[in-house]
PDB file of N, CA and C in Angstrom:
ATOM      1  N   MET A   1      -1.254  28.832  14.898  1.00  0.00           N
ATOM      2  CA  MET A   1      -0.632  29.129  13.631  1.00  0.00           C
ATOM      3  C   MET A   1      -1.380  30.294  12.990  1.00  0.00           C
ATOM      4  N   ASP A   2      -0.645  31.249  12.511  1.00  0.00           N
ATOM      5  CA  ASP A   2      -1.250  32.433  11.910  1.00  0.00           C
ATOM      6  C   ASP A   2      -1.064  32.398  10.401  1.00  0.00           C
ATOM      7  N   ILE A   3      -2.185  32.413   9.687  1.00  0.00           N
ATOM      8  CA  ILE A   3      -2.159  32.407   8.224  1.00  0.00           C
ATOM      9  C   ILE A   3      -2.406  33.829   7.754  1.00  0.00           C
ATOM     10  N   PRO A   4      -1.607  34.335   6.811  1.00  0.00           N
ATOM     11  CA  PRO A   4      -1.804  35.701   6.331  1.00  0.00           C
ATOM     12  C   PRO A   4      -3.196  35.888   5.716  1.00  0.00           C
ATOM     13  N   VAL A   5      -3.687  37.119   5.779  1.00  0.00           N
ATOM     14  CA  VAL A   5      -5.038  37.430   5.324  1.00  0.00           C
ATOM     15  C   VAL A   5      -5.209  37.120   3.835  1.00  0.00           C
ATOM     16  N   ALA A   6      -4.213  37.440   3.026  1.00  0.00           N
ATOM     17  CA  ALA A   6      -4.308  37.180   1.585  1.00  0.00           C
ATOM     18  C   ALA A   6      -4.434  35.680   1.308  1.00  0.00           C
ATOM     19  N   ALA A   7      -3.714  34.871   2.061  1.00  0.00           N
ATOM     20  CA  ALA A   7      -3.792  33.422   1.894  1.00  0.00           C
ATOM     21  C   ALA A   7      -5.170  32.912   2.321  1.00  0.00           C
ATOM     22  N   ARG A   8      -5.734  33.499   3.381  1.00  0.00           N
ATOM     23  CA  ARG A   8      -7.084  33.103   3.812  1.00  0.00           C
ATOM     24  C   ARG A   8      -8.102  33.373   2.721  1.00  0.00           C
ATOM     25  N   TRP A   9      -8.022  34.545   2.083  1.00  0.00           N
ATOM     26  CA  TRP A   9      -8.959  34.884   1.016  1.00  0.00           C
ATOM     27  C   TRP A   9      -8.795  33.950  -0.175  1.00  0.00           C
ATOM     28  N   ALA A  10      -7.547  33.585  -0.479  1.00  0.00           N
ATOM     29  CA  ALA A  10      -7.310  32.651  -1.584  1.00  0.00           C
ATOM     30  C   ALA A  10      -7.913  31.281  -1.272  1.00  0.00           C
ATOM     31  N   VAL A  11      -7.747  30.825  -0.044  1.00  0.00           N
ATOM     32  CA  VAL A  11      -8.307  29.525   0.350  1.00  0.00           C
ATOM     33  C   VAL A  11      -9.833  29.578   0.299  1.00  0.00           C
ATOM     34  N   LEU A  12     -10.420  30.669   0.750  1.00  0.00           N
ATOM     35  CA  LEU A  12     -11.878  30.788   0.699  1.00  0.00           C
ATOM     36  C   LEU A  12     -12.383  30.868  -0.746  1.00  0.00           C
ATOM     37  N   ALA A  13     -11.599  31.487  -1.631  1.00  0.00           N
ATOM     38  CA  ALA A  13     -11.980  31.518  -3.054  1.00  0.00           C
ATOM     39  C   ALA A  13     -11.947  30.111  -3.642  1.00  0.00           C
ATOM     40  N   PHE A  14     -10.941  29.331  -3.284  1.00  0.00           N
ATOM     41  CA  PHE A  14     -10.884  27.947  -3.747  1.00  0.00           C
ATOM     42  C   PHE A  14     -12.019  27.114  -3.152  1.00  0.00           C
ATOM     43  N   ALA A  15     -12.417  27.424  -1.920  1.00  0.00           N
ATOM     44  CA  ALA A  15     -13.557  26.728  -1.316  1.00  0.00           C
ATOM     45  C   ALA A  15     -14.833  27.019  -2.095  1.00  0.00           C
ATOM     46  N   ALA A  16     -15.012  28.264  -2.516  1.00  0.00           N
ATOM     47  CA  ALA A  16     -16.194  28.621  -3.310  1.00  0.00           C
ATOM     48  C   ALA A  16     -16.167  27.899  -4.657  1.00  0.00           C
ATOM     49  N   LEU A  17     -14.996  27.813  -5.276  1.00  0.00           N
ATOM     50  CA  LEU A  17     -14.866  27.100  -6.539  1.00  0.00           C
ATOM     51  C   LEU A  17     -15.170  25.616  -6.355  1.00  0.00           C
ATOM     52  N   ASN A  18     -14.692  25.045  -5.269  1.00  0.00           N
ATOM     53  CA  ASN A  18     -14.949  23.642  -4.972  1.00  0.00           C
ATOM     54  C   ASN A  18     -16.443  23.397  -4.757  1.00  0.00           C
ATOM     55  N   PHE A  19     -17.133  24.353  -4.144  1.00  0.00           N
ATOM     56  CA  PHE A  19     -18.575  24.234  -3.948  1.00  0.00           C
ATOM     57  C   PHE A  19     -19.300  24.238  -5.303  1.00  0.00           C
ATOM     58  N   LEU A  20     -18.849  25.070  -6.223  1.00  0.00           N
ATOM     59  CA  LEU A  20     -19.453  25.084  -7.557  1.00  0.00           C
ATOM     60  C   LEU A  20     -19.216  23.757  -8.282  1.00  0.00           C
ATOM     61  N   LEU A  21     -18.053  23.167  -8.088  1.00  0.00           N
ATOM     62  CA  LEU A  21     -17.789  21.856  -8.668  1.00  0.00           C
ATOM     63  C   LEU A  21     -18.685  20.785  -8.048  1.00  0.00           C
ATOM     64  N   ALA A  22     -18.988  20.924  -6.758  1.00  0.00           N
ATOM     65  CA  ALA A  22     -19.902  19.985  -6.107  1.00  0.00           C
ATOM     66  C   ALA A  22     -21.305  20.110  -6.699  1.00  0.00           C
ATOM     67  N   LEU A  23     -21.745  21.333  -6.975  1.00  0.00           N
ATOM     68  CA  LEU A  23     -23.057  21.518  -7.589  1.00  0.00           C
ATOM     69  C   LEU A  23     -23.096  20.922  -8.992  1.00  0.00           C
ATOM     70  N   ARG A  24     -22.027  21.081  -9.744  1.00  0.00           N
ATOM     71  CA  ARG A  24     -21.946  20.507 -11.089  1.00  0.00           C
ATOM     72  C   ARG A  24     -22.018  18.984 -11.024  1.00  0.00           C
ATOM     73  N   ALA A  25     -21.281  18.387 -10.091  1.00  0.00           N
ATOM     74  CA  ALA A  25     -21.300  16.932  -9.939  1.00  0.00           C
ATOM     75  C   ALA A  25     -22.677  16.451  -9.491  1.00  0.00           C
ATOM     76  N   LEU A  26     -23.367  17.250  -8.667  1.00  0.00           N
ATOM     77  CA  LEU A  26     -24.710  16.878  -8.239  1.00  0.00           C
ATOM     78  C   LEU A  26     -25.670  16.878  -9.418  1.00  0.00           C
ATOM     79  N   ARG A  27     -25.564  17.869 -10.293  1.00  0.00           N
ATOM     80  CA  ARG A  27     -26.411  17.900 -11.492  1.00  0.00           C
ATOM     81  C   ARG A  27     -26.153  16.684 -12.372  1.00  0.00           C
ATOM     82  N   LEU A  28     -24.882  16.328 -12.525  1.00  0.00           N
ATOM     83  CA  LEU A  28     -24.553  15.140 -13.307  1.00  0.00           C
ATOM     84  C   LEU A  28     -25.091  13.870 -12.655  1.00  0.00           C
ATOM     85  N   ALA A  29     -25.043  13.812 -11.330  1.00  0.00           N
ATOM     86  CA  ALA A  29     -25.542  12.634 -10.618  1.00  0.00           C
ATOM     87  C   ALA A  29     -27.052  12.503 -10.777  1.00  0.00           C
ATOM     88  N   LEU A  30     -27.760  13.622 -10.757  1.00  0.00           N
ATOM     89  CA  LEU A  30     -29.210  13.556 -10.893  1.00  0.00           C
ATOM     90  C   LEU A  30     -29.636  13.185 -12.308  1.00  0.00           C
ATOM     91  N   ARG A  31     -28.808  13.492 -13.292  1.00  0.00           N
ATOM     92  CA  ARG A  31     -29.123  13.144 -14.684  1.00  0.00           C
ATOM     93  C   ARG A  31     -28.704  11.728 -15.040  1.00  0.00           C
ATOM     94  N   ALA A  32     -27.777  11.162 -14.304  1.00  0.00           N
ATOM     95  CA  ALA A  32     -27.228   9.851 -14.648  1.00  0.00           C
ATOM     96  C   ALA A  32     -28.235   8.745 -14.345  1.00  0.00           C
ATOM     97  N   GLU A  33     -28.019   7.625 -15.002  1.00  0.00           N
ATOM     98  CA  GLU A  33     -28.848   6.457 -14.741  1.00  0.00           C
ATOM     99  C   GLU A  33     -28.426   5.842 -13.406  1.00  0.00           C
ATOM    100  N   PRO A  34     -29.299   5.049 -12.787  1.00  0.00           N
ATOM    101  CA  PRO A  34     -28.999   4.545 -11.444  1.00  0.00           C
ATOM    102  C   PRO A  34     -27.655   3.838 -11.296  1.00  0.00           C
ATOM    103  N   GLY A  35     -27.206   3.088 -12.275  1.00  0.00           N
ATOM    104  CA  GLY A  35     -25.932   2.386 -12.158  1.00  0.00           C
ATOM    105  C   GLY A  35     -24.726   3.303 -12.241  1.00  0.00           C
ATOM    106  N   ALA A  36     -24.891   4.468 -12.862  1.00  0.00           N
ATOM    107  CA  ALA A  36     -23.768   5.383 -13.057  1.00  0.00           C
ATOM    108  C   ALA A  36     -23.750   6.515 -12.040  1.00  0.00           C
ATOM    109  N   ARG A  37     -24.696   6.539 -11.126  1.00  0.00           N
ATOM    110  CA  ARG A  37     -24.777   7.644 -10.162  1.00  0.00           C
ATOM    111  C   ARG A  37     -23.707   7.601  -9.093  1.00  0.00           C
ATOM    112  N   THR A  38     -23.243   6.426  -8.760  1.00  0.00           N
ATOM    113  CA  THR A  38     -22.332   6.293  -7.624  1.00  0.00           C
ATOM    114  C   THR A  38     -21.079   7.138  -7.796  1.00  0.00           C
ATOM    115  N   GLY A  39     -20.487   7.106  -8.973  1.00  0.00           N
ATOM    116  CA  GLY A  39     -19.274   7.881  -9.207  1.00  0.00           C
ATOM    117  C   GLY A  39     -19.507   9.372  -9.044  1.00  0.00           C
ATOM    118  N   HIS A  40     -20.633   9.851  -9.564  1.00  0.00           N
ATOM    119  CA  HIS A  40     -20.938  11.278  -9.438  1.00  0.00           C
ATOM    120  C   HIS A  40     -21.249  11.655  -7.991  1.00  0.00           C
ATOM    121  N   LEU A  41     -21.939  10.774  -7.282  1.00  0.00           N
ATOM    122  CA  LEU A  41     -22.237  11.076  -5.877  1.00  0.00           C
ATOM    123  C   LEU A  41     -20.972  11.064  -5.021  1.00  0.00           C
ATOM    124  N   LEU A  42     -20.027  10.201  -5.362  1.00  0.00           N
ATOM    125  CA  LEU A  42     -18.737  10.230  -4.662  1.00  0.00           C
ATOM    126  C   LEU A  42     -18.009  11.539  -4.942  1.00  0.00           C
ATOM    127  N   ASP A  43     -18.107  12.031  -6.171  1.00  0.00           N
ATOM    128  CA  ASP A  43     -17.501  13.328  -6.502  1.00  0.00           C
ATOM    129  C   ASP A  43     -18.168  14.458  -5.723  1.00  0.00           C
ATOM    130  N   VAL A  44     -19.497  14.387  -5.569  1.00  0.00           N
ATOM    131  CA  VAL A  44     -20.217  15.403  -4.790  1.00  0.00           C
ATOM    132  C   VAL A  44     -19.711  15.408  -3.353  1.00  0.00           C
ATOM    133  N   ALA A  45     -19.643  14.224  -2.761  1.00  0.00           N
ATOM    134  CA  ALA A  45     -19.181  14.133  -1.370  1.00  0.00           C
ATOM    135  C   ALA A  45     -17.743  14.626  -1.235  1.00  0.00           C
ATOM    136  N   ASP A  46     -16.899  14.256  -2.174  1.00  0.00           N
ATOM    137  CA  ASP A  46     -15.497  14.681  -2.136  1.00  0.00           C
ATOM    138  C   ASP A  46     -15.395  16.201  -2.220  1.00  0.00           C
ATOM    139  N   ASN A  47     -16.126  16.806  -3.147  1.00  0.00           N
ATOM    140  CA  ASN A  47     -16.062  18.259  -3.298  1.00  0.00           C
ATOM    141  C   ASN A  47     -16.667  18.985  -2.097  1.00  0.00           C
ATOM    142  N   LEU A  48     -17.754  18.470  -1.545  1.00  0.00           N
ATOM    143  CA  LEU A  48     -18.346  19.131  -0.373  1.00  0.00           C
ATOM    144  C   LEU A  48     -17.429  19.027   0.847  1.00  0.00           C
ATOM    145  N   LEU A  49     -16.825  17.864   1.041  1.00  0.00           N
ATOM    146  CA  LEU A  49     -15.894  17.740   2.162  1.00  0.00           C
ATOM    147  C   LEU A  49     -14.662  18.611   1.948  1.00  0.00           C
ATOM    148  N   GLY A  50     -14.223  18.739   0.705  1.00  0.00           N
ATOM    149  CA  GLY A  50     -13.109  19.644   0.414  1.00  0.00           C
ATOM    150  C   GLY A  50     -13.476  21.089   0.694  1.00  0.00           C
ATOM    151  N   THR A  51     -14.734  21.446   0.399  1.00  0.00           N
ATOM    152  CA  THR A  51     -15.201  22.801   0.691  1.00  0.00           C
ATOM    153  C   THR A  51     -15.187  23.070   2.190  1.00  0.00           C
ATOM    154  N   VAL A  52     -15.658  22.096   2.963  1.00  0.00           N
ATOM    155  CA  VAL A  52     -15.663  22.256   4.422  1.00  0.00           C
ATOM    156  C   VAL A  52     -14.236  22.360   4.955  1.00  0.00           C
ATOM    157  N   LEU A  53     -13.340  21.530   4.427  1.00  0.00           N
ATOM    158  CA  LEU A  53     -11.948  21.562   4.874  1.00  0.00           C
ATOM    159  C   LEU A  53     -11.303  22.909   4.567  1.00  0.00           C
ATOM    160  N   MET A  54     -11.489  23.401   3.341  1.00  0.00           N
ATOM    161  CA  MET A  54     -10.885  24.692   2.985  1.00  0.00           C
ATOM    162  C   MET A  54     -11.541  25.838   3.753  1.00  0.00           C
ATOM    163  N   GLY A  55     -12.838  25.728   4.000  1.00  0.00           N
ATOM    164  CA  GLY A  55     -13.497  26.752   4.804  1.00  0.00           C
ATOM    165  C   GLY A  55     -12.968  26.777   6.225  1.00  0.00           C
ATOM    166  N   ALA A  56     -12.742  25.595   6.790  1.00  0.00           N
ATOM    167  CA  ALA A  56     -12.207  25.528   8.153  1.00  0.00           C
ATOM    168  C   ALA A  56     -10.796  26.101   8.222  1.00  0.00           C
ATOM    169  N   LEU A  57     -10.019  25.866   7.186  1.00  0.00           N
ATOM    170  CA  LEU A  57      -8.657  26.398   7.184  1.00  0.00           C
ATOM    171  C   LEU A  57      -8.619  27.874   6.823  1.00  0.00           C
ATOM    172  N   GLY A  58      -9.605  28.349   6.060  1.00  0.00           N
ATOM    173  CA  GLY A  58      -9.599  29.729   5.606  1.00  0.00           C
ATOM    174  C   GLY A  58     -10.229  30.716   6.563  1.00  0.00           C
ATOM    175  N   LEU A  59     -11.072  30.251   7.458  1.00  0.00           N
ATOM    176  CA  LEU A  59     -11.711  31.168   8.404  1.00  0.00           C
ATOM    177  C   LEU A  59     -10.767  31.509   9.549  1.00  0.00           C
ATOM    178  N   PRO A  60     -10.854  32.725  10.050  1.00  0.00           N
ATOM    179  CA  PRO A  60      -9.984  33.086  11.177  1.00  0.00           C
ATOM    180  C   PRO A  60     -10.390  32.307  12.429  1.00  0.00           C
ATOM    181  N   GLY A  61      -9.423  31.972  13.211  1.00  0.00           N
ATOM    182  CA  GLY A  61      -9.675  31.228  14.444  1.00  0.00           C
ATOM    183  C   GLY A  61      -9.137  29.812  14.330  1.00  0.00           C
ATOM    184  N   GLU A  62      -9.289  29.079  15.398  1.00  0.00           N
ATOM    185  CA  GLU A  62      -8.806  27.706  15.455  1.00  0.00           C
ATOM    186  C   GLU A  62      -9.963  26.756  15.149  1.00  0.00           C
ATOM    187  N   HIS A  63      -9.927  26.147  13.986  1.00  0.00           N
ATOM    188  CA  HIS A  63     -10.965  25.193  13.580  1.00  0.00           C
ATOM    189  C   HIS A  63     -10.343  23.845  13.261  1.00  0.00           C
ATOM    190  N   TRP A  64      -9.390  23.433  14.051  1.00  0.00           N
ATOM    191  CA  TRP A  64      -8.678  22.195  13.777  1.00  0.00           C
ATOM    192  C   TRP A  64      -9.571  20.984  13.968  1.00  0.00           C
ATOM    193  N   ASP A  65     -10.551  21.070  14.856  1.00  0.00           N
ATOM    194  CA  ASP A  65     -11.445  19.940  15.067  1.00  0.00           C
ATOM    195  C   ASP A  65     -12.299  19.684  13.821  1.00  0.00           C
ATOM    196  N   ILE A  66     -12.766  20.754  13.179  1.00  0.00           N
ATOM    197  CA  ILE A  66     -13.552  20.597  11.950  1.00  0.00           C
ATOM    198  C   ILE A  66     -12.663  20.064  10.830  1.00  0.00           C
ATOM    199  N   ALA A  67     -11.466  20.619  10.711  1.00  0.00           N
ATOM    200  CA  ALA A  67     -10.538  20.165   9.670  1.00  0.00           C
ATOM    201  C   ALA A  67     -10.146  18.700   9.889  1.00  0.00           C
ATOM    202  N   GLY A  68      -9.890  18.325  11.116  1.00  0.00           N
ATOM    203  CA  GLY A  68      -9.532  16.937  11.418  1.00  0.00           C
ATOM    204  C   GLY A  68     -10.670  15.974  11.140  1.00  0.00           C
ATOM    205  N   GLY A  69     -11.883  16.350  11.537  1.00  0.00           N
ATOM    206  CA  GLY A  69     -13.041  15.510  11.256  1.00  0.00           C
ATOM    207  C   GLY A  69     -13.289  15.349   9.769  1.00  0.00           C
ATOM    208  N   THR A  70     -13.076  16.420   9.033  1.00  0.00           N
ATOM    209  CA  THR A  70     -13.252  16.357   7.582  1.00  0.00           C
ATOM    210  C   THR A  70     -12.208  15.438   6.960  1.00  0.00           C
ATOM    211  N   LEU A  71     -10.980  15.519   7.431  1.00  0.00           N
ATOM    212  CA  LEU A  71      -9.934  14.637   6.908  1.00  0.00           C
ATOM    213  C   LEU A  71     -10.241  13.176   7.216  1.00  0.00           C
ATOM    214  N   VAL A  72     -10.820  12.924   8.385  1.00  0.00           N
ATOM    215  CA  VAL A  72     -11.201  11.555   8.736  1.00  0.00           C
ATOM    216  C   VAL A  72     -12.262  11.033   7.766  1.00  0.00           C
ATOM    217  N   LEU A  73     -13.157  11.888   7.324  1.00  0.00           N
ATOM    218  CA  LEU A  73     -14.189  11.474   6.375  1.00  0.00           C
ATOM    219  C   LEU A  73     -13.668  11.400   4.938  1.00  0.00           C
ATOM    220  N   ILE A  74     -12.729  12.260   4.589  1.00  0.00           N
ATOM    221  CA  ILE A  74     -12.192  12.265   3.222  1.00  0.00           C
ATOM    222  C   ILE A  74     -11.336  11.017   2.970  1.00  0.00           C
ATOM    223  N   GLY A  75     -10.639  10.535   3.975  1.00  0.00           N
ATOM    224  CA  GLY A  75      -9.762   9.372   3.796  1.00  0.00           C
ATOM    225  C   GLY A  75     -10.469   8.158   3.211  1.00  0.00           C
ATOM    226  N   PRO A  76     -11.499   7.631   3.875  1.00  0.00           N
ATOM    227  CA  PRO A  76     -12.201   6.472   3.298  1.00  0.00           C
ATOM    228  C   PRO A  76     -12.872   6.776   1.963  1.00  0.00           C
ATOM    229  N   LEU A  77     -13.306   8.015   1.777  1.00  0.00           N
ATOM    230  CA  LEU A  77     -13.942   8.394   0.516  1.00  0.00           C
ATOM    231  C   LEU A  77     -12.944   8.303  -0.639  1.00  0.00           C
ATOM    232  N   VAL A  78     -11.749   8.791  -0.433  1.00  0.00           N
ATOM    233  CA  VAL A  78     -10.720   8.734  -1.476  1.00  0.00           C
ATOM    234  C   VAL A  78     -10.321   7.285  -1.752  1.00  0.00           C
ATOM    235  N   VAL A  79     -10.234   6.473  -0.701  1.00  0.00           N
ATOM    236  CA  VAL A  79      -9.914   5.059  -0.893  1.00  0.00           C
ATOM    237  C   VAL A  79     -11.021   4.375  -1.683  1.00  0.00           C
ATOM    238  N   TRP A  80     -12.282   4.675  -1.364  1.00  0.00           N
ATOM    239  CA  TRP A  80     -13.422   4.093  -2.070  1.00  0.00           C
ATOM    240  C   TRP A  80     -13.377   4.475  -3.559  1.00  0.00           C
ATOM    241  N   LYS A  81     -13.095   5.748  -3.843  1.00  0.00           N
ATOM    242  CA  LYS A  81     -13.014   6.188  -5.233  1.00  0.00           C
ATOM    243  C   LYS A  81     -11.859   5.501  -5.959  1.00  0.00           C
ATOM    244  N   ALA A  82     -10.726   5.337  -5.291  1.00  0.00           N
ATOM    245  CA  ALA A  82      -9.563   4.706  -5.919  1.00  0.00           C
ATOM    246  C   ALA A  82      -9.841   3.237  -6.226  1.00  0.00           C
ATOM    247  N   VAL A  83     -10.433   2.521  -5.282  1.00  0.00           N
ATOM    248  CA  VAL A  83     -10.759   1.105  -5.504  1.00  0.00           C
ATOM    249  C   VAL A  83     -11.771   0.970  -6.627  1.00  0.00           C
ATOM    250  N   ARG A  84     -12.742   1.844  -6.650  1.00  0.00           N
ATOM    251  CA  ARG A  84     -13.775   1.808  -7.691  1.00  0.00           C
ATOM    252  C   ARG A  84     -13.163   2.070  -9.072  1.00  0.00           C
ATOM    253  N   ASP A  85     -12.284   3.050  -9.165  1.00  0.00           N
ATOM    254  CA  ASP A  85     -11.619   3.339 -10.437  1.00  0.00           C
ATOM    255  C   ASP A  85     -10.719   2.180 -10.875  1.00  0.00           C
ATOM    256  N   PHE A  86     -10.008   1.590  -9.909  1.00  0.00           N
ATOM    257  CA  PHE A  86      -9.126   0.466 -10.226  1.00  0.00           C
ATOM    258  C   PHE A  86      -9.934  -0.712 -10.760  1.00  0.00           C
ATOM    259  N   ARG A  87     -11.056  -1.006 -10.107  1.00  0.00           N
ATOM    260  CA  ARG A  87     -11.893  -2.122 -10.551  1.00  0.00           C
ATOM    261  C   ARG A  87     -12.500  -1.845 -11.921  1.00  0.00           C
ATOM    262  N   ALA A  88     -12.860  -0.607 -12.184  1.00  0.00           N
ATOM    263  CA  ALA A  88     -13.432  -0.259 -13.485  1.00  0.00           C
ATOM    264  C   ALA A  88     -12.383  -0.413 -14.588  1.00  0.00           C
ATOM    265  N   ARG A  89     -11.161   0.018 -14.332  1.00  0.00           N
ATOM    266  CA  ARG A  89     -10.090  -0.134 -15.329  1.00  0.00           C
ATOM    267  C   ARG A  89      -9.783  -1.603 -15.569  1.00  0.00           C
ATOM    268  N   ARG A  90      -9.785  -2.380 -14.495  1.00  0.00           N
ATOM    269  CA  ARG A  90      -9.492  -3.800 -14.618  1.00  0.00           C
ATOM    270  C   ARG A  90     -10.577  -4.504 -15.436  1.00  0.00           C
ATOM    271  N   ALA A  91     -11.835  -4.154 -15.197  1.00  0.00           N
ATOM    272  CA  ALA A  91     -12.936  -4.743 -15.960  1.00  0.00           C
ATOM    273  C   ALA A  91     -12.863  -4.320 -17.423  1.00  0.00           C
ATOM    274  N   GLU A  92     -12.469  -3.081 -17.665  1.00  0.00           N
ATOM    275  CA  GLU A  92     -12.336  -2.595 -19.047  1.00  0.00           C
ATOM    276  C   GLU A  92     -11.235  -3.335 -19.786  1.00  0.00           C
ATOM    277  N   LYS A  93     -10.114  -3.581 -19.103  1.00  0.00           N
ATOM    278  CA  LYS A  93      -9.028  -4.334 -19.736  1.00  0.00           C
ATOM    279  C   LYS A  93      -9.470  -5.759 -20.037  1.00  0.00           C
ATOM    280  N   ALA A  94     -10.204  -6.377 -19.115  1.00  0.00           N
ATOM    281  CA  ALA A  94     -10.680  -7.747 -19.336  1.00  0.00           C
ATOM    282  C   ALA A  94     -11.658  -7.780 -20.511  1.00  0.00           C
ATOM    283  N   ARG A  95     -12.537  -6.786 -20.590  1.00  0.00           N
ATOM    284  CA  ARG A  95     -13.501  -6.725 -21.689  1.00  0.00           C
ATOM    285  C   ARG A  95     -12.771  -6.534 -23.018  1.00  0.00           C
ATOM    286  N   THR A  96     -11.750  -5.690 -23.040  1.00  0.00           N
ATOM    287  CA  THR A  96     -10.977  -5.460 -24.256  1.00  0.00           C
ATOM    288  C   THR A  96     -10.246  -6.739 -24.675  1.00  0.00           C
ATOM    289  N   ALA A  97      -9.694  -7.469 -23.702  1.00  0.00           N
ATOM    290  CA  ALA A  97      -9.001  -8.720 -24.009  1.00  0.00           C
ATOM    291  C   ALA A  97      -9.989  -9.755 -24.547  1.00  0.00           C
ATOM    292  N   ASP A  98     -11.188  -9.838 -23.977  1.00  0.00           N
ATOM    293  CA  ASP A  98     -12.208 -10.769 -24.467  1.00  0.00           C
ATOM    294  C   ASP A  98     -12.636 -10.415 -25.882  1.00  0.00           C
ATOM    295  N   GLU A  99     -12.786  -9.122 -26.161  1.00  0.00           N
ATOM    296  CA  GLU A  99     -13.161  -8.700 -27.511  1.00  0.00           C
ATOM    297  C   GLU A  99     -12.057  -9.025 -28.507  1.00  0.00           C
ATOM    298  N   ALA A 100     -10.809  -8.866 -28.091  1.00  0.00           N
ATOM    299  CA  ALA A 100      -9.681  -9.184 -28.969  1.00  0.00           C
ATOM    300  C   ALA A 100      -9.645 -10.684 -29.254  1.00  0.00           C
ATOM    301  N   GLN A 101      -9.908 -11.509 -28.229  1.00  0.00           N
ATOM    302  CA  GLN A 101      -9.944 -12.953 -28.421  1.00  0.00           C
ATOM    303  C   GLN A 101     -11.084 -13.345 -29.343  1.00  0.00           C
ATOM    304  N   ALA A 102     -12.243 -12.717 -29.163  1.00  0.00           N
ATOM    305  CA  ALA A 102     -13.388 -13.014 -30.022  1.00  0.00           C
ATOM    306  C   ALA A 102     -13.090 -12.603 -31.455  1.00  0.00           C
ATOM    307  N   GLY A 103     -12.414 -11.485 -31.650  1.00  0.00           N
ATOM    308  CA  GLY A 103     -12.036 -11.039 -32.985  1.00  0.00           C
ATOM    309  C   GLY A 103     -11.051 -11.994 -33.632  1.00  0.00           C
ATOM    310  N   THR A 104     -10.101 -12.503 -32.858  1.00  0.00           N
ATOM    311  CA  THR A 104      -9.121 -13.453 -33.379  1.00  0.00           C
ATOM    312  C   THR A 104      -9.799 -14.764 -33.747  1.00  0.00           C
ATOM    313  N   ALA A 105     -10.740 -15.203 -32.914  1.00  0.00           N
ATOM    314  CA  ALA A 105     -11.459 -16.444 -33.203  1.00  0.00           C
ATOM    315  C   ALA A 105     -12.314 -16.286 -34.451  1.00  0.00           C
ATOM    316  N   ALA A 106     -12.950 -15.127 -34.621  1.00  0.00           N
ATOM    317  CA  ALA A 106     -13.769 -14.888 -35.809  1.00  0.00           C
ATOM    318  C   ALA A 106     -12.894 -14.858 -37.061  1.00  0.00           C
ATOM    319  N   GLU A 107     -11.713 -14.262 -36.969  1.00  0.00           N
ATOM    320  CA  GLU A 107     -10.797 -14.234 -38.111  1.00  0.00           C
ATOM    321  C   GLU A 107     -10.317 -15.637 -38.454  1.00  0.00           C
ATOM    322  N   ALA A 108     -10.073 -16.439 -37.436  1.00  0.00           N
ATOM    323  CA  ALA A 108      -9.626 -17.816 -37.671  1.00  0.00           C
ATOM    324  C   ALA A 108     -10.724 -18.620 -38.340  1.00  0.00           C
ATOM    325  N   GLN A 109     -11.975 -18.431 -37.906  1.00  0.00           N
ATOM    326  CA  GLN A 109     -13.103 -19.117 -38.533  1.00  0.00           C
ATOM    327  C   GLN A 109     -13.270 -18.674 -39.970  1.00  0.00           C
ATOM    328  N   ALA A 110     -13.130 -17.390 -40.202  1.00  0.00           N
ATOM    329  CA  ALA A 110     -13.256 -16.882 -41.572  1.00  0.00           C
ATOM    330  C   ALA A 110     -12.123 -17.441 -42.443  1.00  0.00           C
ATOM    331  N   GLY A 111     -10.953 -17.584 -41.891  1.00  0.00           N
ATOM    332  CA  GLY A 111      -9.811 -18.134 -42.631  1.00  0.00           C
ATOM    333  C   GLY A 111     -10.031 -19.597 -42.973  1.00  0.00           C
ATOM    334  N   THR A 112     -10.568 -20.388 -42.043  1.00  0.00           N
ATOM    335  CA  THR A 112     -10.841 -21.794 -42.332  1.00  0.00           C
ATOM    336  C   THR A 112     -11.981 -21.950 -43.317  1.00  0.00           C
ATOM    337  N   ALA A 113     -12.967 -21.076 -43.228  1.00  0.00           N
ATOM    338  CA  ALA A 113     -14.080 -21.143 -44.172  1.00  0.00           C
ATOM    339  C   ALA A 113     -13.597 -20.787 -45.582  1.00  0.00           C
ATOM    340  N   ALA A 114     -12.673 -19.852 -45.700  1.00  0.00           N
ATOM    341  CA  ALA A 114     -12.137 -19.464 -47.006  1.00  0.00           C
ATOM    342  C   ALA A 114     -11.275 -20.585 -47.582  1.00  0.00           C
ATOM    343  N   GLU A 115     -10.546 -21.299 -46.734  1.00  0.00           N
ATOM    344  CA  GLU A 115      -9.703 -22.395 -47.183  1.00  0.00           C
ATOM    345  C   GLU A 115     -10.556 -23.567 -47.675  1.00  0.00           C
ATOM    346  N   GLU A 116     -11.676 -23.822 -46.966  1.00  0.00           N
ATOM    347  CA  GLU A 116     -12.548 -24.932 -47.336  1.00  0.00           C
ATOM    348  C   GLU A 116     -13.327 -24.614 -48.608  1.00  0.00           C
ATOM    349  N   GLY A 117     -13.700 -23.328 -48.772  1.00  0.00           N
ATOM    350  CA  GLY A 117     -14.556 -22.956 -49.897  1.00  0.00           C
ATOM    351  C   GLY A 117     -13.789 -22.710 -51.111  1.00  0.00           C
TER     352      GLY A 117
END
C-alpha cells in the first residue's frame, strides 16, 4: 500500500504530538500520589504505543509487523482503561447515593428533633 508523502508527514507530526502528550502524562504520573498514578501511567503507555503505531504507519516501507504488534498491546490497555473508568464512575455514583441517603436521614432526624422540641 502506498501512502502519499504529505499524508506520511501529517502522520509523523501527529506522532510527535502524541509523544509530547506522553511526556505530559509522565510528568503528571510522577507528581501524583501512589494511589492516583495508575491512571496517568496508563495514559503514558497509551500515548507511547500510539506514537509507535503512527511512526510505523508514517515511515516509508512495510512496517506492518510493528503496527500489528502495537495494536496487540493497545487492545488490552484500552480495555483496562475502560474497565477502570467504569469502576470509578460506578463507585462515584454509589458514594453520591450514600451521601444523599445520609443527608435524607440527617434531615429526618432534624425534623423529628424539631417536632419533639
